[in-house]
């Protein structure tokens, strides 16, 4: 019963977190966005003291239950390991803890976080790793399936689904996500929780607390017949059945050993003072522990519940059906543009974990992972496929770390994240000798006006003039400029955002 409840909760959490990255409608986050906020590293960066305290208490009570129920990367390892387990039974063995590797990775992680080397932190943080896998690898497949359903529904005059663009947001991030998936999949296929217990820094942090947990999986030496089934089914390689010892720093309280033991020698019990019945491993007898699988399951479910409470092909665009429109090319910006609500480039870089949740949820195709080494895989803004609409605040609503603060529509309309710059040599009135004014017509703040090329001749062709004091850097002008492949007007970012 303990294992079934744990597995059910883990799968529900895993599916819902995955859907936060895949959802094309943006509606699921209203109900389940808190699942991203209770991830350990994002909560720590966001300084959500209540969430961090709850996770600490949960670990001190149950051990590393966070790793087997709440962490999506941990659950993904279990799924892969389970698939291999269908073919090869009783395949695990006990191995000693590789402390030198665990602590070295943790030291590198902490040092990188303190020094602001975000690329290293993003590569090692488990939630960020899973976010890249979901956003870069799973979402295109999900969107392609959505587009197939949209095409079928349209055939029957139904618009229950709508087609979305499927495009690659960043080749480097796609490569990193693919390599991460391969490494984790291979380790999970061969050794279960190898990645979780030797590389993951969050797992190492929680292992310090798990050693002192109130409830632990314990072996009753008087009932044990040394069959070794517990060790052979421990995906954390944490059970030494010969000496009746369990390494609680690596145990993720999955319940597999309890389920496999045919003699009832393993149970989840309280830590009790030394007394008669002490076993050779120095552990106390489970007498007086949490009796009965139902009661153990209830406690486990209660703890997790309390934590919870706190590629379809792209259609080619054509001009009137006569000629293909040339794709825009991103300009070389002197200062990258960070999302509204990120306050400043420095604040954004320090708090962003590059989990790609905002990138996956951006409905306008504006956010994509950065290829700059200093902000590698962190979101940056560009306007080739759309512009940052003043009424959209999705990225701030979904960010779990506070790197992008939630803002209102009114706040966004008055927030300057950059300013427009006019490029004379690309402007259509000057290159083609025709009227345009597209940038001025679509500017939501009226920061662009059309003025005559010849100030002395009011009838001369008009060109844009930008009022930088009113421009908010939304990119409508850059995106809707008809000049190809480079727009005649583009947005330069601001290091520090300010109100207009």
Protein backbone atom coordinates (compact mmCIF):
# COMPACT_ATOMS: atom_id res chain seq x y z
CA UNK A 1 0.00 0.00 0.00
CA UNK A 2 2.86 2.39 0.85
CA UNK A 3 4.46 1.84 -2.55
CA UNK A 4 1.16 2.21 -4.43
CA UNK A 5 0.32 5.53 -2.77
CA UNK A 6 3.82 6.86 -3.34
CA UNK A 7 3.77 5.78 -7.00
CA UNK A 8 0.34 7.29 -7.62
CA UNK A 9 1.27 10.62 -6.08
CA UNK A 10 4.57 10.71 -7.97
CA UNK A 11 2.91 10.04 -11.34
CA UNK A 12 0.24 12.66 -10.76
CA UNK A 13 2.83 15.29 -9.82
CA UNK A 14 5.07 14.27 -12.73
CA UNK A 15 2.29 14.49 -15.32
CA UNK A 16 1.02 17.84 -14.04
CA UNK A 17 4.50 19.42 -13.97
CA UNK A 18 5.14 18.14 -17.49
CA UNK A 19 1.86 19.63 -18.68
CA UNK A 20 2.93 23.02 -17.28
CA UNK A 21 5.63 22.99 -19.98
CA UNK A 22 3.49 21.46 -22.73
CA UNK A 23 0.18 23.29 -22.34
CA UNK A 24 -0.51 25.54 -25.35
CA UNK A 25 -3.52 27.26 -23.78
CA UNK A 26 -1.86 28.64 -20.66
CA UNK A 27 -4.80 27.62 -18.46
CA UNK A 28 -3.24 24.80 -16.44
CA UNK A 29 -0.86 27.12 -14.62
CA UNK A 30 -3.76 28.77 -12.79
CA UNK A 31 -4.51 25.49 -11.06
CA UNK A 32 -1.17 23.71 -10.84
CA UNK A 33 1.47 26.44 -11.07
CA UNK A 34 2.26 25.88 -7.39
CA UNK A 35 3.95 22.60 -8.35
CA UNK A 36 6.77 24.62 -9.93
CA UNK A 37 7.01 26.82 -6.86
CA UNK A 38 7.56 23.90 -4.46
CA UNK A 39 10.65 22.67 -6.30
CA UNK A 40 13.58 22.98 -3.90
CA UNK A 41 16.08 25.12 -5.82
CA UNK A 42 13.52 27.54 -7.35
CA UNK A 43 11.95 27.98 -3.90
CA UNK A 44 15.36 28.71 -2.40
CA UNK A 45 16.18 31.33 -5.05
CA UNK A 46 12.76 32.92 -4.67
CA UNK A 47 13.31 33.01 -0.88
CA UNK A 48 10.01 31.25 -0.27
CA UNK A 49 10.81 30.56 3.36
CA UNK A 50 7.56 28.72 3.99
CA UNK A 51 8.09 26.30 1.09
CA UNK A 52 11.73 25.64 1.97
CA UNK A 53 10.79 25.10 5.63
CA UNK A 54 8.04 22.68 4.62
CA UNK A 55 10.42 20.67 2.44
CA UNK A 56 12.94 20.56 5.30
CA UNK A 57 10.28 19.33 7.73
CA UNK A 58 9.06 16.78 5.17
CA UNK A 59 12.61 15.44 4.84
CA UNK A 60 13.16 15.35 8.61
CA UNK A 61 9.98 13.33 8.99
CA UNK A 62 10.12 10.96 6.01
CA UNK A 63 13.60 11.23 4.55
CA UNK A 64 14.11 12.02 0.87
CA UNK A 65 10.46 11.67 -0.11
CA UNK A 66 10.89 14.91 -2.10
CA UNK A 67 13.15 13.07 -4.56
CA UNK A 68 10.68 10.26 -5.22
CA UNK A 69 7.41 12.23 -5.30
CA UNK A 70 7.93 15.95 -6.00
CA UNK A 71 11.06 16.19 -8.16
CA UNK A 72 10.12 15.50 -11.83
CA UNK A 73 13.66 14.46 -12.75
CA UNK A 74 13.65 11.89 -9.96
CA UNK A 75 10.31 10.48 -11.06
CA UNK A 76 11.53 10.33 -14.67
CA UNK A 77 14.48 8.19 -13.50
CA UNK A 78 12.02 5.86 -11.75
CA UNK A 79 9.95 5.52 -14.92
CA UNK A 80 13.00 4.64 -17.03
CA UNK A 81 14.30 2.23 -14.39
CA UNK A 82 10.89 0.59 -14.14
CA UNK A 83 10.84 -0.03 -17.89
CA UNK A 84 14.13 -1.89 -17.63
CA UNK A 85 12.87 -3.69 -14.55
CA UNK A 86 10.08 -5.26 -16.62
CA UNK A 87 12.74 -7.13 -18.58
CA UNK A 88 15.30 -7.82 -15.88
CA UNK A 89 14.17 -8.55 -12.35
CA UNK A 90 16.22 -8.26 -9.15
CA UNK A 91 19.02 -6.42 -10.92
CA UNK A 92 20.41 -4.01 -8.31
CA UNK A 93 23.28 -4.52 -5.87
CA UNK A 94 24.51 -2.63 -2.84
CA UNK A 95 27.31 -0.12 -3.40
CA UNK A 96 29.05 2.24 -1.04
CA UNK A 97 28.31 5.95 -1.14
CA UNK A 98 30.62 7.89 -3.48
CA UNK A 99 31.06 10.81 -1.15
CA UNK A 100 34.00 12.33 -3.00
CA UNK A 101 31.91 12.70 -6.15
CA UNK A 102 28.74 13.89 -4.42
CA UNK A 103 30.48 16.53 -2.35
CA UNK A 104 32.67 17.68 -5.23
CA UNK A 105 29.61 18.28 -7.43
CA UNK A 106 27.84 20.04 -4.56
CA UNK A 107 30.87 22.26 -3.93
CA UNK A 108 31.06 23.19 -7.62
CA UNK A 109 27.32 23.90 -7.62
CA UNK A 110 27.44 26.16 -4.56
CA UNK A 111 30.59 27.95 -5.72
CA UNK A 112 29.04 28.57 -9.15
CA UNK A 113 25.85 29.91 -7.59
CA UNK A 114 27.81 32.30 -5.35
CA UNK A 115 30.09 33.41 -8.20
CA UNK A 116 27.18 33.88 -10.58
CA UNK A 117 28.32 31.23 -13.07
CA UNK A 118 24.75 30.52 -14.09
CA UNK A 119 25.52 28.07 -16.87
CA UNK A 120 26.97 25.54 -14.39
CA UNK A 121 24.11 26.02 -11.93
CA UNK A 122 21.53 25.55 -14.68
CA UNK A 123 23.19 22.39 -15.92
CA UNK A 124 23.17 20.76 -12.47
CA UNK A 125 19.83 21.94 -11.01
CA UNK A 126 17.40 18.99 -11.39
CA UNK A 127 14.23 20.99 -12.05
CA UNK A 128 15.99 23.07 -14.71
CA UNK A 129 17.34 19.93 -16.37
CA UNK A 130 13.88 18.44 -16.58
CA UNK A 131 12.41 21.73 -17.78
CA UNK A 132 14.79 21.78 -20.74
CA UNK A 133 13.91 18.17 -21.58
CA UNK A 134 10.19 18.91 -21.44
CA UNK A 135 10.37 22.25 -23.25
CA UNK A 136 12.90 21.38 -25.95
CA UNK A 137 12.16 17.71 -26.64
CA UNK A 138 8.64 16.89 -25.47
CA UNK A 139 6.82 20.09 -26.40
CA UNK A 140 7.49 20.01 -30.17
CA UNK A 141 6.03 16.48 -30.27
CA UNK A 142 3.08 17.59 -28.15
CA UNK A 143 2.47 20.62 -30.39
CA UNK A 144 2.66 18.47 -33.51
CA UNK A 145 0.01 16.17 -32.05
CA UNK A 146 -2.10 19.21 -31.17
CA UNK A 147 -1.85 20.43 -34.78
CA UNK A 148 -2.98 17.05 -36.09
CA UNK A 149 -6.04 17.22 -33.83
CA UNK A 150 -6.66 20.80 -34.96
CA UNK A 151 -6.59 19.73 -38.62
CA UNK A 152 -8.99 16.84 -37.95
CA UNK A 153 -11.34 19.07 -35.93
CA UNK A 154 -11.32 21.73 -38.64
CA UNK A 155 -12.30 19.10 -41.19
CA UNK A 156 -15.46 18.55 -39.14
CA UNK A 157 -16.06 22.31 -38.73
CA UNK A 158 -14.96 22.20 -35.10
CA UNK A 159 -12.51 24.61 -33.50
CA UNK A 160 -11.99 22.83 -30.21
CA UNK A 161 -8.27 22.81 -31.10
CA UNK A 162 -6.19 25.43 -32.85
CA UNK A 163 -2.92 25.09 -34.70
CA UNK A 164 0.30 26.48 -33.21
CA UNK A 165 3.76 27.06 -34.69
CA UNK A 166 6.34 24.35 -34.10
CA UNK A 167 9.83 25.81 -34.20
CA UNK A 168 13.26 25.32 -32.67
CA UNK A 169 13.92 28.08 -30.17
CA UNK A 170 17.61 27.34 -29.61
CA UNK A 171 19.90 24.70 -31.11
CA UNK A 172 22.44 24.79 -28.21
CA UNK A 173 19.68 24.31 -25.64
CA UNK A 174 18.23 21.47 -27.69
CA UNK A 175 21.65 19.79 -27.75
CA UNK A 176 22.10 20.24 -23.98
CA UNK A 177 18.61 18.87 -23.31
CA UNK A 178 19.27 15.86 -25.55
CA UNK A 179 22.61 15.06 -23.92
CA UNK A 180 21.09 15.45 -20.45
CA UNK A 181 18.29 13.05 -21.33
CA UNK A 182 20.73 10.49 -22.75
CA UNK A 183 23.02 10.63 -19.70
CA UNK A 184 20.18 10.38 -17.19
CA UNK A 185 18.38 7.69 -19.18
CA UNK A 186 21.51 5.53 -19.45
CA UNK A 187 22.28 5.88 -15.74
CA UNK A 188 18.67 5.17 -14.75
CA UNK A 189 18.44 2.21 -17.12
CA UNK A 190 21.59 0.65 -15.73
CA UNK A 191 21.60 1.71 -12.09
CA UNK A 192 18.27 3.28 -11.10
CA UNK A 193 18.98 6.33 -8.98
CA UNK A 194 22.68 6.69 -9.89
CA UNK A 195 22.32 10.28 -11.10
CA UNK A 196 20.14 11.20 -8.13
CA UNK A 197 22.63 9.85 -5.58
CA UNK A 198 25.97 10.79 -7.12
CA UNK A 199 25.48 13.98 -9.15
CA UNK A 200 22.29 15.85 -8.19
CA UNK A 201 23.22 18.68 -5.76
CA UNK A 202 19.69 18.94 -4.39
CA UNK A 203 19.76 15.24 -3.55
CA UNK A 204 23.07 15.72 -1.72
CA UNK A 205 21.70 18.68 0.25
CA UNK A 206 18.63 16.71 1.31
CA UNK A 207 20.80 13.70 2.20
CA UNK A 208 22.26 15.63 5.13
CA UNK A 209 18.77 15.96 6.60
CA UNK A 210 17.58 12.48 5.63
CA UNK A 211 20.10 10.89 8.00
CA UNK A 212 18.11 12.34 10.90
CA UNK A 213 14.58 11.61 9.63
CA UNK A 214 11.98 10.54 12.17
CA UNK A 215 10.59 7.70 10.07
CA UNK A 216 13.05 5.37 8.40
CA UNK A 217 12.95 2.14 6.46
CA UNK A 218 14.30 -0.41 8.97
CA UNK A 219 15.30 -4.07 8.84
CA UNK A 220 14.17 -6.43 11.61
CA UNK A 221 17.10 -8.84 11.97
CA UNK A 222 14.96 -11.40 13.77
CA UNK A 223 12.71 -11.80 10.72
CA UNK A 224 15.28 -11.34 7.98
CA UNK A 225 16.36 -14.53 6.21
CA UNK A 226 19.11 -12.82 4.19
CA UNK A 227 17.40 -13.54 0.87
CA UNK A 228 18.71 -10.28 -0.57
CA UNK A 229 15.48 -9.30 -2.35
CA UNK A 230 15.51 -5.88 -0.70
CA UNK A 231 19.00 -5.12 -1.99
CA UNK A 232 18.24 -6.49 -5.46
CA UNK A 233 15.23 -4.16 -5.74
CA UNK A 234 16.73 -1.03 -4.17
CA UNK A 235 17.23 1.41 -7.07
CA UNK A 236 19.27 3.65 -4.77
CA UNK A 237 21.75 0.79 -4.06
CA UNK A 238 21.44 1.78 -0.42
CA UNK A 239 20.62 -1.55 1.31
CA UNK A 240 23.36 -3.83 2.65
CA UNK A 241 21.25 -6.87 3.56
CA UNK A 242 24.23 -8.85 4.84
CA UNK A 243 24.81 -6.39 7.67
CA UNK A 244 21.19 -5.22 7.90
CA UNK A 245 22.26 -1.64 7.12
CA UNK A 246 20.54 1.05 5.07
CA UNK A 247 22.26 4.22 3.83
CA UNK A 248 19.60 6.80 4.65
CA UNK A 249 21.45 9.54 2.80
CA UNK A 250 20.61 7.75 -0.45
CA UNK A 251 17.30 6.08 0.40
CA UNK A 252 14.42 7.89 -1.37
CA UNK A 253 11.67 6.07 0.57
CA UNK A 254 10.21 4.53 -2.58
CA UNK A 255 8.82 1.53 -0.67
CA UNK A 256 10.09 -1.05 -3.16
CA UNK A 257 12.03 -2.97 -0.51
CA UNK A 258 9.01 -3.12 1.80
CA UNK A 259 6.88 -4.39 -1.06
CA UNK A 260 9.37 -7.07 -2.09
CA UNK A 261 10.17 -8.46 1.38
CA UNK A 262 8.23 -11.70 1.79
CA UNK A 263 8.91 -12.04 5.51
CA UNK A 264 7.73 -8.64 6.70
CA UNK A 265 11.25 -7.88 7.92
CA UNK A 266 11.28 -4.35 6.50
CA UNK A 267 9.01 -1.54 7.64
CA UNK A 268 8.83 2.21 7.94
CA UNK A 269 9.28 2.88 11.65
CA UNK A 270 10.15 5.58 14.15
CA UNK A 271 13.60 6.21 15.49
CA UNK A 272 13.54 4.85 19.03
CA UNK A 273 16.09 4.90 21.91
CA UNK A 274 18.43 1.91 22.27
CA UNK A 275 16.92 -0.96 24.23
CA UNK A 276 16.55 -4.73 24.17
CA UNK A 277 16.06 -6.06 20.71
CA UNK A 278 18.88 -3.94 19.28
CA UNK A 279 20.08 -5.44 16.00
CA UNK A 280 23.65 -6.02 14.85
CA UNK A 281 23.54 -2.90 12.68
CA UNK A 282 22.99 -0.71 15.73
CA UNK A 283 19.37 -0.01 14.83
CA UNK A 284 16.46 -0.46 17.17
CA UNK A 285 13.71 -2.98 16.66
CA UNK A 286 10.68 -1.81 14.72
CA UNK A 287 8.58 -2.62 17.77
CA UNK A 288 6.70 0.53 18.62
CA UNK A 289 7.06 1.81 15.04
CA UNK A 290 4.25 2.87 12.77
CA UNK A 291 2.24 -0.37 12.66
CA UNK A 292 0.39 -1.45 9.55
CA UNK A 293 0.77 -0.45 5.95
CA UNK A 294 -2.45 1.56 6.06
CA UNK A 295 -1.20 3.84 8.79
CA UNK A 296 2.18 4.31 7.10
CA UNK A 297 0.44 5.14 3.86
CA UNK A 298 -1.83 7.63 5.55
CA UNK A 299 1.11 9.49 7.09
CA UNK A 300 2.94 9.58 3.79
CA UNK A 301 -0.09 10.85 1.91
CA UNK A 302 -0.79 13.45 4.60
CA UNK A 303 2.75 14.84 4.45
CA UNK A 304 2.76 15.11 0.66
CA UNK A 305 -0.73 16.62 0.66
CA UNK A 306 0.34 19.28 3.10
CA UNK A 307 3.27 20.18 0.86
CA UNK A 308 0.97 20.43 -2.09
CA UNK A 309 -1.38 22.75 -0.27
CA UNK A 310 1.43 25.26 0.68
CA UNK A 311 5.82 18.30 -34.71
CA UNK A 312 3.51 19.44 -37.38
CA UNK A 313 5.21 21.19 -40.24
CA UNK A 314 5.03 24.96 -40.27
CA UNK A 315 3.06 26.45 -43.17
CA UNK A 316 5.05 28.77 -45.36
CA UNK A 317 3.87 32.38 -45.15
CA UNK A 318 3.14 33.94 -48.50
CA UNK A 319 2.44 37.44 -49.76
CA UNK A 320 -0.96 37.29 -51.42
CA UNK A 321 -0.29 33.71 -52.42
CA UNK A 322 2.31 34.83 -54.96
CA UNK A 323 5.70 34.83 -53.25
CA UNK A 324 7.21 33.48 -50.06
CA UNK A 325 7.97 36.12 -47.44
CA UNK A 326 11.61 36.08 -46.40
CA UNK A 327 12.15 35.29 -42.74
CA UNK A 328 13.43 38.06 -40.49
CA UNK A 329 16.95 37.88 -39.08
CA UNK A 330 17.57 39.00 -35.51
CA UNK A 331 19.66 42.18 -35.23
CA UNK A 332 22.83 42.27 -33.17
CA UNK A 333 21.71 44.04 -30.02
CA UNK A 334 24.32 45.80 -27.93
CA UNK A 335 22.21 45.05 -24.84
CA UNK A 336 20.01 41.93 -24.66
CA UNK A 337 16.35 42.43 -23.75
CA UNK A 338 15.08 40.80 -20.56
CA UNK A 339 11.37 40.20 -19.90
CA UNK A 340 9.13 42.81 -18.24
CA UNK A 341 9.18 42.20 -14.50
CA UNK A 342 12.81 41.05 -14.45
CA UNK A 343 13.78 44.48 -13.05
CA UNK A 344 17.32 44.42 -14.42
CA UNK A 345 19.74 42.21 -16.30
CA UNK A 346 21.67 41.59 -13.08
CA UNK A 347 18.62 40.59 -11.04
CA UNK A 348 17.41 38.33 -13.83
CA UNK A 349 20.76 36.58 -14.26
CA UNK A 350 21.10 35.91 -10.51
CA UNK A 351 17.65 34.42 -10.01
CA UNK A 352 16.91 32.61 -13.28
CA UNK A 353 17.54 28.84 -13.29
CA UNK A 354 17.02 28.47 -17.06
CA UNK A 355 14.17 26.00 -16.47
CA UNK A 356 12.50 27.16 -19.73
CA UNK A 357 9.03 27.38 -18.17
CA UNK A 358 8.55 30.98 -19.33
CA UNK A 359 9.93 30.11 -22.79
CA UNK A 360 7.47 27.23 -23.11
CA UNK A 361 4.56 29.40 -21.98
CA UNK A 362 5.28 32.53 -24.05
CA UNK A 363 2.27 32.77 -26.43
CA UNK A 364 3.91 35.33 -28.71
CA UNK A 365 7.13 33.53 -29.66
CA UNK A 366 9.22 36.29 -28.08
CA UNK A 367 11.24 34.36 -25.49
CA UNK A 368 13.99 31.96 -26.45
CA UNK A 369 17.09 30.61 -24.64
CA UNK A 370 20.19 32.78 -24.80
CA UNK A 371 23.31 31.49 -26.56
CA UNK A 372 25.58 33.97 -24.75
CA UNK A 373 27.93 32.13 -22.38
CA UNK A 374 27.32 34.58 -19.51
CA UNK A 375 23.56 33.95 -19.62
CA UNK A 376 23.57 30.58 -21.36
CA UNK A 377 20.07 29.06 -21.73
CA UNK A 378 18.45 31.86 -19.73
CA UNK A 379 15.54 33.48 -21.62
CA UNK A 380 16.17 36.47 -23.82
CA UNK A 381 13.74 38.40 -26.00
CA UNK A 382 13.69 38.81 -29.77
CA UNK A 383 10.93 39.86 -32.14
CA UNK A 384 11.28 37.88 -35.37
CA UNK A 385 8.15 35.79 -34.72
CA UNK A 386 6.04 38.13 -32.63
CA UNK A 387 6.16 41.01 -30.18
CA UNK A 388 5.64 41.38 -26.44
CA UNK A 389 1.97 42.33 -26.26
CA UNK A 390 1.17 44.84 -23.49
CA UNK A 391 -1.78 42.77 -22.30
CA UNK A 392 0.28 39.58 -21.77
CA UNK A 393 1.92 38.92 -18.39
CA UNK A 394 2.32 35.13 -18.74
CA UNK A 395 6.09 34.91 -18.12
CA UNK A 396 5.88 36.66 -14.76
CA UNK A 397 2.89 34.57 -13.76
CA UNK A 398 4.68 31.25 -14.33
CA UNK A 399 8.22 32.06 -13.09
CA UNK A 400 8.84 30.04 -9.90
CA UNK A 401 12.03 31.79 -8.77
CA UNK A 402 11.13 35.48 -8.82
CA UNK A 403 13.54 36.15 -11.69
CA UNK A 404 10.50 37.61 -13.46
CA UNK A 405 8.23 39.31 -10.96
CA UNK A 406 4.46 39.11 -11.48
CA UNK A 407 3.18 42.41 -12.84
CA UNK A 408 -0.17 43.84 -13.87
CA UNK A 409 -1.08 44.91 -17.39
CA UNK A 410 -1.00 48.53 -16.28
CA UNK A 411 2.50 48.06 -14.86
CA UNK A 412 3.69 46.47 -18.08
CA UNK A 413 2.35 49.28 -20.25
CA UNK A 414 4.44 51.73 -18.25
CA UNK A 415 7.61 49.62 -18.02
CA UNK A 416 10.48 50.40 -20.37
CA UNK A 417 12.59 47.33 -21.10
CA UNK A 418 14.29 48.91 -24.10
CA UNK A 419 13.85 51.52 -26.81
CA UNK A 420 13.41 51.48 -30.58
CA UNK A 421 16.24 52.46 -32.91
CA UNK A 422 15.61 53.47 -36.55
CA UNK A 423 17.93 52.16 -39.29
CA UNK A 424 17.77 54.58 -42.20
CA UNK A 425 19.27 52.31 -44.87
CA UNK A 426 16.57 49.63 -44.37
CA UNK A 427 13.48 51.86 -44.31
CA UNK A 428 10.97 51.06 -47.09
CA UNK A 429 10.03 54.70 -47.94
CA UNK A 430 13.71 55.39 -48.67
CA UNK A 431 14.62 52.08 -50.34
CA UNK A 432 11.44 51.62 -52.41
CA UNK A 433 10.06 55.15 -52.58
CA UNK A 434 6.62 54.20 -51.19
CA UNK A 435 4.59 55.20 -48.14
CA UNK A 436 4.71 52.85 -45.15
CA UNK A 437 4.16 53.96 -41.54
CA UNK A 438 3.58 50.41 -40.27
CA UNK A 439 5.69 51.00 -37.16
CA UNK A 440 3.77 54.13 -36.16
CA UNK A 441 0.35 52.54 -36.74
CA UNK A 442 1.09 49.60 -34.46
CA UNK A 443 3.02 51.31 -31.66
CA UNK A 444 0.85 50.79 -28.52
CA UNK A 445 2.28 53.84 -26.71
CA UNK A 446 2.35 56.31 -29.60
CA UNK A 447 6.13 56.62 -29.29
CA UNK A 448 6.60 56.67 -33.09
CA UNK A 449 5.41 59.45 -35.37
CA UNK A 450 5.92 59.83 -39.12
CA UNK A 451 7.71 62.98 -40.21
CA UNK A 452 8.57 64.22 -43.73
CA UNK A 453 11.94 63.28 -45.16
CA UNK A 454 12.24 66.89 -46.27
CA UNK A 455 11.11 69.13 -43.40
CA UNK A 456 10.41 71.91 -45.95
CA UNK A 457 8.10 69.72 -48.03
CA UNK A 458 5.07 68.33 -46.20
CA UNK A 459 4.19 66.19 -49.22
CA UNK A 460 7.49 64.32 -49.22
CA UNK A 461 7.65 60.70 -48.10
CA UNK A 462 7.47 60.23 -44.34
CA UNK A 463 9.90 58.38 -42.12
CA UNK A 464 9.58 57.32 -38.45
CA UNK A 465 10.79 59.42 -35.54
CA UNK A 466 11.10 57.65 -32.18
CA UNK A 467 10.31 59.32 -28.87
CA UNK A 468 12.55 57.23 -26.59
CA UNK A 469 10.92 58.63 -23.46
CA UNK A 470 7.59 56.99 -24.40
CA UNK A 471 8.88 53.77 -25.97
CA UNK A 472 8.51 50.65 -23.78
CA UNK A 473 10.50 48.29 -26.03
CA UNK A 474 7.61 45.91 -26.79
CA UNK A 475 8.97 45.22 -30.29
CA UNK A 476 5.72 45.75 -32.23
CA UNK A 477 7.53 48.08 -34.60
CA UNK A 478 10.40 45.65 -35.17
CA UNK A 479 8.15 42.65 -35.70
CA UNK A 480 5.67 44.35 -38.04
CA UNK A 481 8.21 46.27 -40.10
CA UNK A 482 7.87 45.01 -43.72
CA UNK A 483 11.63 45.35 -44.41
CA UNK A 484 13.34 41.99 -44.92
CA UNK A 485 15.47 40.28 -43.74
CA UNK A 486 16.53 43.06 -41.34
CA UNK A 487 13.90 45.38 -39.93
CA UNK A 488 14.31 49.11 -40.43
CA UNK A 489 13.58 49.58 -36.75
CA UNK A 490 14.68 47.39 -33.86
CA UNK A 491 14.79 47.41 -30.05
CA UNK A 492 17.88 47.88 -27.91
CA UNK A 493 17.55 46.49 -24.40
CA UNK A 494 18.09 48.33 -21.11
CA UNK A 495 20.32 46.99 -18.34
CA UNK A 496 17.87 48.38 -15.78
CA UNK A 497 14.16 48.67 -16.47
CA UNK A 498 12.38 51.91 -15.67
CA UNK A 499 8.91 53.41 -15.74
CA UNK A 500 7.82 55.76 -18.50
